Amino acid sequence: DSVPATGQVAVIATAGLTAVGSTVLLGYCFSPYVHTLERVAADAAQDKNDQLIRMVTRDILARKVETIFDPTKDVAAPSSSNSRPFCNFMVHGLPFYIHP
C-alpha cells in the first residue's frame, strides 16, 4: 500500500524541522565560543597604554566574526538573566565563551 499524501508531508515536515531546528540550536549555543584571542597593536591615533584584544568567533554559516575590544573597559560578567548555556563574559553586550 501507498502512504497518503498527508502522511508523506508530515514525515517530510518533521524531518526538515528536526534538521533545521538542531542546526539553529547548535548555532545559538556555540556561537559565543572564542576560537582565537590575540593582542592588537595600538594605532598611532590611540593611547599607547590601551591594550586591545581581538577575538575570532564563527557564525552559523562558519564565517569569521572578529570583535576588537579593550579588556579594561568593555568586559562585563554575564547577567543572571542570560539564557546562553556557554557564556562566561560579555563584550559590548554580546555573550562570549572561553573554555577554562
PDB file of N, CA and C in Angstrom:
ATOM      1  N   ASP A   1       0.822  -1.188   0.000  1.00  0.00           N
ATOM      2  CA  ASP A   1       0.000   0.000   0.000  1.00  0.00           C
ATOM      3  C   ASP A   1       0.870   1.257   0.000  1.00  0.00           C
ATOM      4  N   SER A   2       0.265   2.307  -0.478  1.00  0.00           N
ATOM      5  CA  SER A   2       0.933   3.603  -0.576  1.00  0.00           C
ATOM      6  C   SER A   2       0.579   4.456   0.642  1.00  0.00           C
ATOM      7  N   VAL A   3       1.537   5.276   1.079  1.00  0.00           N
ATOM      8  CA  VAL A   3       1.299   6.191   2.192  1.00  0.00           C
ATOM      9  C   VAL A   3       0.546   7.397   1.651  1.00  0.00           C
ATOM     10  N   PRO A   4      -0.522   7.842   2.354  1.00  0.00           N
ATOM     11  CA  PRO A   4      -1.274   9.004   1.878  1.00  0.00           C
ATOM     12  C   PRO A   4      -0.389  10.259   1.806  1.00  0.00           C
ATOM     13  N   ALA A   5      -0.795  11.187   0.972  1.00  0.00           N
ATOM     14  CA  ALA A   5      -0.029  12.425   0.765  1.00  0.00           C
ATOM     15  C   ALA A   5       0.144  13.203   2.067  1.00  0.00           C
ATOM     16  N   THR A   6      -0.869  13.243   2.909  1.00  0.00           N
ATOM     17  CA  THR A   6      -0.737  13.980   4.180  1.00  0.00           C
ATOM     18  C   THR A   6       0.316  13.330   5.080  1.00  0.00           C
ATOM     19  N   GLY A   7       0.409  12.012   5.044  1.00  0.00           N
ATOM     20  CA  GLY A   7       1.434  11.318   5.822  1.00  0.00           C
ATOM     21  C   GLY A   7       2.824  11.615   5.310  1.00  0.00           C
ATOM     22  N   GLN A   8       2.975  11.656   3.990  1.00  0.00           N
ATOM     23  CA  GLN A   8       4.273  11.981   3.391  1.00  0.00           C
ATOM     24  C   GLN A   8       4.696  13.399   3.746  1.00  0.00           C
ATOM     25  N   VAL A   9       3.733  14.323   3.678  1.00  0.00           N
ATOM     26  CA  VAL A   9       4.019  15.728   4.024  1.00  0.00           C
ATOM     27  C   VAL A   9       4.414  15.827   5.492  1.00  0.00           C
ATOM     28  N   ALA A  10       3.732  15.097   6.357  1.00  0.00           N
ATOM     29  CA  ALA A  10       4.043  15.134   7.788  1.00  0.00           C
ATOM     30  C   ALA A  10       5.453  14.608   8.058  1.00  0.00           C
ATOM     31  N   VAL A  11       5.842  13.531   7.403  1.00  0.00           N
ATOM     32  CA  VAL A  11       7.179  12.969   7.591  1.00  0.00           C
ATOM     33  C   VAL A  11       8.244  13.937   7.074  1.00  0.00           C
ATOM     34  N   ILE A  12       8.027  14.521   5.913  1.00  0.00           N
ATOM     35  CA  ILE A  12       8.983  15.474   5.333  1.00  0.00           C
ATOM     36  C   ILE A  12       9.103  16.709   6.225  1.00  0.00           C
ATOM     37  N   ALA A  13       7.972  17.218   6.715  1.00  0.00           N
ATOM     38  CA  ALA A  13       7.997  18.406   7.581  1.00  0.00           C
ATOM     39  C   ALA A  13       8.714  18.102   8.894  1.00  0.00           C
ATOM     40  N   THR A  14       8.479  16.944   9.468  1.00  0.00           N
ATOM     41  CA  THR A  14       9.140  16.575  10.720  1.00  0.00           C
ATOM     42  C   THR A  14      10.649  16.439  10.520  1.00  0.00           C
ATOM     43  N   ALA A  15      11.060  15.781   9.451  1.00  0.00           N
ATOM     44  CA  ALA A  15      12.491  15.632   9.173  1.00  0.00           C
ATOM     45  C   ALA A  15      13.140  16.991   8.918  1.00  0.00           C
ATOM     46  N   GLY A  16      12.483  17.841   8.146  1.00  0.00           N
ATOM     47  CA  GLY A  16      13.027  19.173   7.857  1.00  0.00           C
ATOM     48  C   GLY A  16      13.126  20.028   9.102  1.00  0.00           C
ATOM     49  N   LEU A  17      12.095  20.010   9.936  1.00  0.00           N
ATOM     50  CA  LEU A  17      12.100  20.789  11.169  1.00  0.00           C
ATOM     51  C   LEU A  17      13.195  20.300  12.115  1.00  0.00           C
ATOM     52  N   THR A  18      13.374  18.997  12.193  1.00  0.00           N
ATOM     53  CA  THR A  18      14.421  18.438  13.051  1.00  0.00           C
ATOM     54  C   THR A  18      15.806  18.847  12.556  1.00  0.00           C
ATOM     55  N   ALA A  19      16.034  18.767  11.263  1.00  0.00           N
ATOM     56  CA  ALA A  19      17.343  19.119  10.711  1.00  0.00           C
ATOM     57  C   ALA A  19      17.649  20.606  10.905  1.00  0.00           C
ATOM     58  N   VAL A  20      16.703  21.456  10.561  1.00  0.00           N
ATOM     59  CA  VAL A  20      16.923  22.906  10.679  1.00  0.00           C
ATOM     60  C   VAL A  20      16.957  23.322  12.141  1.00  0.00           C
ATOM     61  N   GLY A  21      16.061  22.777  12.944  1.00  0.00           N
ATOM     62  CA  GLY A  21      15.993  23.145  14.360  1.00  0.00           C
ATOM     63  C   GLY A  21      17.256  22.798  15.116  1.00  0.00           C
ATOM     64  N   SER A  22      17.805  21.618  14.868  1.00  0.00           N
ATOM     65  CA  SER A  22      19.026  21.232  15.578  1.00  0.00           C
ATOM     66  C   SER A  22      20.211  22.093  15.145  1.00  0.00           C
ATOM     67  N   THR A  23      20.281  22.448  13.882  1.00  0.00           N
ATOM     68  CA  THR A  23      21.364  23.311  13.396  1.00  0.00           C
ATOM     69  C   THR A  23      21.275  24.699  14.023  1.00  0.00           C
ATOM     70  N   VAL A  24      20.078  25.246  14.070  1.00  0.00           N
ATOM     71  CA  VAL A  24      19.891  26.570  14.670  1.00  0.00           C
ATOM     72  C   VAL A  24      20.213  26.529  16.164  1.00  0.00           C
ATOM     73  N   LEU A  25      19.784  25.482  16.857  1.00  0.00           N
ATOM     74  CA  LEU A  25      20.061  25.364  18.284  1.00  0.00           C
ATOM     75  C   LEU A  25      21.559  25.244  18.555  1.00  0.00           C
ATOM     76  N   LEU A  26      22.259  24.442  17.775  1.00  0.00           N
ATOM     77  CA  LEU A  26      23.710  24.339  17.937  1.00  0.00           C
ATOM     78  C   LEU A  26      24.399  25.668  17.639  1.00  0.00           C
ATOM     79  N   GLY A  27      23.939  26.369  16.616  1.00  0.00           N
ATOM     80  CA  GLY A  27      24.491  27.686  16.313  1.00  0.00           C
ATOM     81  C   GLY A  27      24.267  28.664  17.445  1.00  0.00           C
ATOM     82  N   TYR A  28      23.096  28.638  18.046  1.00  0.00           N
ATOM     83  CA  TYR A  28      22.769  29.527  19.170  1.00  0.00           C
ATOM     84  C   TYR A  28      23.654  29.215  20.376  1.00  0.00           C
ATOM     85  N   CYS A  29      23.830  27.940  20.654  1.00  0.00           N
ATOM     86  CA  CYS A  29      24.595  27.549  21.836  1.00  0.00           C
ATOM     87  C   CYS A  29      26.087  27.810  21.686  1.00  0.00           C
ATOM     88  N   PHE A  30      26.636  27.542  20.514  1.00  0.00           N
ATOM     89  CA  PHE A  30      28.086  27.574  20.349  1.00  0.00           C
ATOM     90  C   PHE A  30      28.619  28.798  19.624  1.00  0.00           C
ATOM     91  N   SER A  31      27.770  29.710  19.182  1.00  0.00           N
ATOM     92  CA  SER A  31      28.283  30.912  18.508  1.00  0.00           C
ATOM     93  C   SER A  31      29.133  31.797  19.414  1.00  0.00           C
ATOM     94  N   PRO A  32      28.945  31.815  20.743  1.00  0.00           N
ATOM     95  CA  PRO A  32      29.834  32.633  21.578  1.00  0.00           C
ATOM     96  C   PRO A  32      31.228  32.046  21.781  1.00  0.00           C
ATOM     97  N   TYR A  33      31.485  30.832  21.312  1.00  0.00           N
ATOM     98  CA  TYR A  33      32.766  30.174  21.558  1.00  0.00           C
ATOM     99  C   TYR A  33      33.896  30.930  20.853  1.00  0.00           C
ATOM    100  N   VAL A  34      34.909  31.322  21.614  1.00  0.00           N
ATOM    101  CA  VAL A  34      36.041  32.088  21.086  1.00  0.00           C
ATOM    102  C   VAL A  34      37.074  31.106  20.539  1.00  0.00           C
ATOM    103  N   HIS A  35      37.378  31.240  19.239  1.00  0.00           N
ATOM    104  CA  HIS A  35      38.361  30.368  18.598  1.00  0.00           C
ATOM    105  C   HIS A  35      39.772  30.923  18.717  1.00  0.00           C
ATOM    106  N   THR A  36      39.923  32.242  18.608  1.00  0.00           N
ATOM    107  CA  THR A  36      41.231  32.887  18.659  1.00  0.00           C
ATOM    108  C   THR A  36      41.133  34.131  19.523  1.00  0.00           C
ATOM    109  N   LEU A  37      42.147  34.332  20.339  1.00  0.00           N
ATOM    110  CA  LEU A  37      42.224  35.512  21.199  1.00  0.00           C
ATOM    111  C   LEU A  37      43.650  36.025  21.114  1.00  0.00           C
ATOM    112  N   GLU A  38      43.809  37.302  20.664  1.00  0.00           N
ATOM    113  CA  GLU A  38      45.163  37.836  20.498  1.00  0.00           C
ATOM    114  C   GLU A  38      45.190  39.332  20.756  1.00  0.00           C
ATOM    115  N   ARG A  39      46.366  39.827  21.124  1.00  0.00           N
ATOM    116  CA  ARG A  39      46.552  41.262  21.329  1.00  0.00           C
ATOM    117  C   ARG A  39      46.657  41.964  19.991  1.00  0.00           C
ATOM    118  N   VAL A  40      46.199  43.223  19.973  1.00  0.00           N
ATOM    119  CA  VAL A  40      46.249  44.038  18.764  1.00  0.00           C
ATOM    120  C   VAL A  40      47.173  45.213  19.033  1.00  0.00           C
ATOM    121  N   ALA A  41      48.037  45.517  18.090  1.00  0.00           N
ATOM    122  CA  ALA A  41      48.923  46.673  18.230  1.00  0.00           C
ATOM    123  C   ALA A  41      48.100  47.951  18.185  1.00  0.00           C
ATOM    124  N   ALA A  42      48.389  48.878  19.075  1.00  0.00           N
ATOM    125  CA  ALA A  42      47.651  50.142  19.129  1.00  0.00           C
ATOM    126  C   ALA A  42      48.007  51.016  17.933  1.00  0.00           C
ATOM    127  N   ASP A  43      47.015  51.682  17.360  1.00  0.00           N
ATOM    128  CA  ASP A  43      47.249  52.629  16.259  1.00  0.00           C
ATOM    129  C   ASP A  43      47.893  53.892  16.802  1.00  0.00           C
ATOM    130  N   ALA A  44      48.434  54.691  15.917  1.00  0.00           N
ATOM    131  CA  ALA A  44      49.056  55.961  16.322  1.00  0.00           C
ATOM    132  C   ALA A  44      48.035  56.912  16.927  1.00  0.00           C
ATOM    133  N   ALA A  45      46.774  56.801  16.487  1.00  0.00           N
ATOM    134  CA  ALA A  45      45.733  57.706  16.983  1.00  0.00           C
ATOM    135  C   ALA A  45      45.238  57.314  18.367  1.00  0.00           C
ATOM    136  N   GLN A  46      45.543  56.101  18.798  1.00  0.00           N
ATOM    137  CA  GLN A  46      45.062  55.640  20.089  1.00  0.00           C
ATOM    138  C   GLN A  46      46.100  55.894  21.169  1.00  0.00           C
ATOM    139  N   ASP A  47      45.629  55.864  22.385  1.00  0.00           N
ATOM    140  CA  ASP A  47      46.523  55.990  23.530  1.00  0.00           C
ATOM    141  C   ASP A  47      47.442  54.773  23.569  1.00  0.00           C
ATOM    142  N   LYS A  48      48.719  54.998  23.767  1.00  0.00           N
ATOM    143  CA  LYS A  48      49.697  53.905  23.764  1.00  0.00           C
ATOM    144  C   LYS A  48      49.476  52.920  24.920  1.00  0.00           C
ATOM    145  N   ASN A  49      48.754  53.345  25.957  1.00  0.00           N
ATOM    146  CA  ASN A  49      48.509  52.467  27.097  1.00  0.00           C
ATOM    147  C   ASN A  49      47.328  51.527  26.863  1.00  0.00           C
ATOM    148  N   ASP A  50      46.561  51.756  25.806  1.00  0.00           N
ATOM    149  CA  ASP A  50      45.423  50.878  25.515  1.00  0.00           C
ATOM    150  C   ASP A  50      45.934  49.504  25.091  1.00  0.00           C
ATOM    151  N   GLN A  51      45.383  48.496  25.675  1.00  0.00           N
ATOM    152  CA  GLN A  51      45.693  47.117  25.298  1.00  0.00           C
ATOM    153  C   GLN A  51      44.432  46.533  24.667  1.00  0.00           C
ATOM    154  N   LEU A  52      44.381  46.506  23.355  1.00  0.00           N
ATOM    155  CA  LEU A  52      43.212  45.984  22.667  1.00  0.00           C
ATOM    156  C   LEU A  52      43.380  44.490  22.404  1.00  0.00           C
ATOM    157  N   ILE A  53      42.256  43.797  22.417  1.00  0.00           N
ATOM    158  CA  ILE A  53      42.224  42.358  22.191  1.00  0.00           C
ATOM    159  C   ILE A  53      41.313  42.079  20.999  1.00  0.00           C
ATOM    160  N   ARG A  54      41.720  41.135  20.153  1.00  0.00           N
ATOM    161  CA  ARG A  54      40.889  40.693  19.029  1.00  0.00           C
ATOM    162  C   ARG A  54      40.443  39.259  19.307  1.00  0.00           C
ATOM    163  N   MET A  55      39.135  39.041  19.214  1.00  0.00           N
ATOM    164  CA  MET A  55      38.577  37.696  19.350  1.00  0.00           C
ATOM    165  C   MET A  55      37.994  37.282  18.013  1.00  0.00           C
ATOM    166  N   VAL A  56      38.136  36.018  17.689  1.00  0.00           N
ATOM    167  CA  VAL A  56      37.533  35.475  16.484  1.00  0.00           C
ATOM    168  C   VAL A  56      36.553  34.380  16.899  1.00  0.00           C
ATOM    169  N   THR A  57      35.306  34.540  16.476  1.00  0.00           N
ATOM    170  CA  THR A  57      34.277  33.528  16.677  1.00  0.00           C
ATOM    171  C   THR A  57      33.751  33.150  15.299  1.00  0.00           C
ATOM    172  N   ARG A  58      32.802  32.249  15.250  1.00  0.00           N
ATOM    173  CA  ARG A  58      32.183  31.828  13.984  1.00  0.00           C
ATOM    174  C   ARG A  58      30.675  31.974  14.097  1.00  0.00           C
ATOM    175  N   ASP A  59      30.042  32.369  12.984  1.00  0.00           N
ATOM    176  CA  ASP A  59      28.585  32.435  12.979  1.00  0.00           C
ATOM    177  C   ASP A  59      28.011  31.104  12.511  1.00  0.00           C
ATOM    178  N   ILE A  60      26.712  31.024  12.337  1.00  0.00           N
ATOM    179  CA  ILE A  60      26.057  29.766  11.990  1.00  0.00           C
ATOM    180  C   ILE A  60      26.474  29.244  10.615  1.00  0.00           C
ATOM    181  N   LEU A  61      26.981  30.126   9.757  1.00  0.00           N
ATOM    182  CA  LEU A  61      27.448  29.718   8.436  1.00  0.00           C
ATOM    183  C   LEU A  61      28.967  29.533   8.395  1.00  0.00           C
ATOM    184  N   ALA A  62      29.600  29.461   9.564  1.00  0.00           N
ATOM    185  CA  ALA A  62      31.039  29.247   9.734  1.00  0.00           C
ATOM    186  C   ALA A  62      31.888  30.403   9.213  1.00  0.00           C
ATOM    187  N   ARG A  63      31.292  31.590   9.111  1.00  0.00           N
ATOM    188  CA  ARG A  63      32.073  32.771   8.721  1.00  0.00           C
ATOM    189  C   ARG A  63      32.748  33.347   9.963  1.00  0.00           C
ATOM    190  N   LYS A  64      33.960  33.892   9.782  1.00  0.00           N
ATOM    191  CA  LYS A  64      34.677  34.514  10.891  1.00  0.00           C
ATOM    192  C   LYS A  64      33.973  35.799  11.324  1.00  0.00           C
ATOM    193  N   VAL A  65      33.888  35.972  12.631  1.00  0.00           N
ATOM    194  CA  VAL A  65      33.369  37.202  13.215  1.00  0.00           C
ATOM    195  C   VAL A  65      34.452  37.723  14.158  1.00  0.00           C
ATOM    196  N   GLU A  66      35.003  38.902  13.841  1.00  0.00           N
ATOM    197  CA  GLU A  66      36.055  39.480  14.665  1.00  0.00           C
ATOM    198  C   GLU A  66      35.483  40.565  15.561  1.00  0.00           C
ATOM    199  N   THR A  67      35.902  40.552  16.807  1.00  0.00           N
ATOM    200  CA  THR A  67      35.493  41.565  17.775  1.00  0.00           C
ATOM    201  C   THR A  67      36.760  42.113  18.413  1.00  0.00           C
ATOM    202  N   ILE A  68      36.931  43.431  18.350  1.00  0.00           N
ATOM    203  CA  ILE A  68      38.090  44.083  18.955  1.00  0.00           C
ATOM    204  C   ILE A  68      37.578  44.900  20.134  1.00  0.00           C
ATOM    205  N   PHE A  69      38.238  44.741  21.286  1.00  0.00           N
ATOM    206  CA  PHE A  69      37.749  45.415  22.490  1.00  0.00           C
ATOM    207  C   PHE A  69      38.899  45.724  23.438  1.00  0.00           C
ATOM    208  N   ASP A  70      38.630  46.621  24.376  1.00  0.00           N
ATOM    209  CA  ASP A  70      39.566  46.965  25.439  1.00  0.00           C
ATOM    210  C   ASP A  70      39.142  46.179  26.676  1.00  0.00           C
ATOM    211  N   PRO A  71      39.956  45.243  27.148  1.00  0.00           N
ATOM    212  CA  PRO A  71      39.543  44.404  28.265  1.00  0.00           C
ATOM    213  C   PRO A  71      39.347  45.152  29.581  1.00  0.00           C
ATOM    214  N   THR A  72      39.927  46.348  29.697  1.00  0.00           N
ATOM    215  CA  THR A  72      39.752  47.107  30.932  1.00  0.00           C
ATOM    216  C   THR A  72      38.439  47.887  30.964  1.00  0.00           C
ATOM    217  N   LYS A  73      37.805  48.074  29.795  1.00  0.00           N
ATOM    218  CA  LYS A  73      36.591  48.898  29.735  1.00  0.00           C
ATOM    219  C   LYS A  73      35.365  48.162  29.204  1.00  0.00           C
ATOM    220  N   ASP A  74      35.560  47.209  28.317  1.00  0.00           N
ATOM    221  CA  ASP A  74      34.439  46.645  27.569  1.00  0.00           C
ATOM    222  C   ASP A  74      33.933  45.288  28.064  1.00  0.00           C
ATOM    223  N   VAL A  75      34.592  44.690  29.043  1.00  0.00           N
ATOM    224  CA  VAL A  75      34.228  43.346  29.504  1.00  0.00           C
ATOM    225  C   VAL A  75      33.350  43.436  30.743  1.00  0.00           C
ATOM    226  N   ALA A  76      32.301  42.617  30.759  1.00  0.00           N
ATOM    227  CA  ALA A  76      31.403  42.552  31.916  1.00  0.00           C
ATOM    228  C   ALA A  76      31.038  41.095  32.176  1.00  0.00           C
ATOM    229  N   ALA A  77      30.619  40.836  33.384  1.00  0.00           N
ATOM    230  CA  ALA A  77      30.142  39.491  33.729  1.00  0.00           C
ATOM    231  C   ALA A  77      28.750  39.295  33.123  1.00  0.00           C
ATOM    232  N   PRO A  78      28.384  38.072  32.776  1.00  0.00           N
ATOM    233  CA  PRO A  78      27.046  37.843  32.230  1.00  0.00           C
ATOM    234  C   PRO A  78      25.979  38.117  33.294  1.00  0.00           C
ATOM    235  N   SER A  79      24.856  38.630  32.848  1.00  0.00           N
ATOM    236  CA  SER A  79      23.773  38.922  33.786  1.00  0.00           C
ATOM    237  C   SER A  79      23.115  37.630  34.246  1.00  0.00           C
ATOM    238  N   SER A  80      22.399  37.694  35.342  1.00  0.00           N
ATOM    239  CA  SER A  80      21.733  36.497  35.874  1.00  0.00           C
ATOM    240  C   SER A  80      20.590  36.046  34.968  1.00  0.00           C
ATOM    241  N   SER A  81      20.107  36.928  34.092  1.00  0.00           N
ATOM    242  CA  SER A  81      19.022  36.567  33.179  1.00  0.00           C
ATOM    243  C   SER A  81      19.537  36.041  31.837  1.00  0.00           C
ATOM    244  N   ASN A  82      20.847  35.844  31.717  1.00  0.00           N
ATOM    245  CA  ASN A  82      21.437  35.354  30.483  1.00  0.00           C
ATOM    246  C   ASN A  82      20.993  33.910  30.230  1.00  0.00           C
ATOM    247  N   SER A  83      20.479  33.633  29.032  1.00  0.00           N
ATOM    248  CA  SER A  83      19.970  32.299  28.727  1.00  0.00           C
ATOM    249  C   SER A  83      20.971  31.448  27.942  1.00  0.00           C
ATOM    250  N   ARG A  84      22.155  31.961  27.702  1.00  0.00           N
ATOM    251  CA  ARG A  84      23.153  31.207  26.933  1.00  0.00           C
ATOM    252  C   ARG A  84      23.794  30.145  27.816  1.00  0.00           C
ATOM    253  N   PRO A  85      23.821  28.888  27.364  1.00  0.00           N
ATOM    254  CA  PRO A  85      24.452  27.849  28.179  1.00  0.00           C
ATOM    255  C   PRO A  85      25.971  27.974  28.228  1.00  0.00           C
ATOM    256  N   PHE A  86      26.579  28.533  27.180  1.00  0.00           N
ATOM    257  CA  PHE A  86      28.028  28.723  27.152  1.00  0.00           C
ATOM    258  C   PHE A  86      28.314  30.207  27.045  1.00  0.00           C
ATOM    259  N   CYS A  87      28.478  30.847  28.186  1.00  0.00           N
ATOM    260  CA  CYS A  87      28.788  32.279  28.232  1.00  0.00           C
ATOM    261  C   CYS A  87      29.451  32.557  29.567  1.00  0.00           C
ATOM    262  N   ASN A  88      30.732  32.961  29.533  1.00  0.00           N
ATOM    263  CA  ASN A  88      31.365  33.307  30.799  1.00  0.00           C
ATOM    264  C   ASN A  88      31.833  34.758  30.866  1.00  0.00           C
ATOM    265  N   PHE A  89      31.576  35.548  29.805  1.00  0.00           N
ATOM    266  CA  PHE A  89      31.771  37.002  29.876  1.00  0.00           C
ATOM    267  C   PHE A  89      31.043  37.671  28.717  1.00  0.00           C
ATOM    268  N   MET A  90      30.838  38.977  28.859  1.00  0.00           N
ATOM    269  CA  MET A  90      30.136  39.773  27.844  1.00  0.00           C
ATOM    270  C   MET A  90      31.066  40.883  27.375  1.00  0.00           C
ATOM    271  N   VAL A  91      31.021  41.173  26.067  1.00  0.00           N
ATOM    272  CA  VAL A  91      31.763  42.291  25.479  1.00  0.00           C
ATOM    273  C   VAL A  91      30.775  43.070  24.627  1.00  0.00           C
ATOM    274  N   HIS A  92      30.631  44.349  24.917  1.00  0.00           N
ATOM    275  CA  HIS A  92      29.684  45.216  24.207  1.00  0.00           C
ATOM    276  C   HIS A  92      28.275  44.615  24.221  1.00  0.00           C
ATOM    277  N   GLY A  93      27.908  43.936  25.301  1.00  0.00           N
ATOM    278  CA  GLY A  93      26.575  43.351  25.426  1.00  0.00           C
ATOM    279  C   GLY A  93      26.391  42.022  24.714  1.00  0.00           C
ATOM    280  N   LEU A  94      27.442  41.491  24.088  1.00  0.00           N
ATOM    281  CA  LEU A  94      27.360  40.209  23.387  1.00  0.00           C
ATOM    282  C   LEU A  94      28.008  39.116  24.219  1.00  0.00           C
ATOM    283  N   PRO A  95      27.419  37.911  24.222  1.00  0.00           N
ATOM    284  CA  PRO A  95      27.982  36.821  25.028  1.00  0.00           C
ATOM    285  C   PRO A  95      29.171  36.157  24.338  1.00  0.00           C
ATOM    286  N   PHE A  96      30.158  35.764  25.142  1.00  0.00           N
ATOM    287  CA  PHE A  96      31.321  35.042  24.649  1.00  0.00           C
ATOM    288  C   PHE A  96      31.692  33.961  25.642  1.00  0.00           C
ATOM    289  N   TYR A  97      32.371  32.932  25.121  1.00  0.00           N
ATOM    290  CA  TYR A  97      32.774  31.815  25.984  1.00  0.00           C
ATOM    291  C   TYR A  97      34.199  31.419  25.651  1.00  0.00           C
ATOM    292  N   ILE A  98      35.029  31.348  26.690  1.00  0.00           N
ATOM    293  CA  ILE A  98      36.379  30.815  26.568  1.00  0.00           C
ATOM    294  C   ILE A  98      36.441  29.582  27.455  1.00  0.00           C
ATOM    295  N   HIS A  99      36.849  28.479  26.851  1.00  0.00           N
ATOM    296  CA  HIS A  99      36.916  27.221  27.596  1.00  0.00           C
ATOM    297  C   HIS A  99      37.987  27.326  28.667  1.00  0.00           C
ATOM    298  N   PRO A 100      37.605  27.079  29.929  1.00  0.00           N
ATOM    299  CA  PRO A 100      38.595  27.202  31.021  1.00  0.00           C
ATOM    300  C   PRO A 100      39.646  26.118  30.983  1.00  0.00           C
TER     301      PRO A 100
END
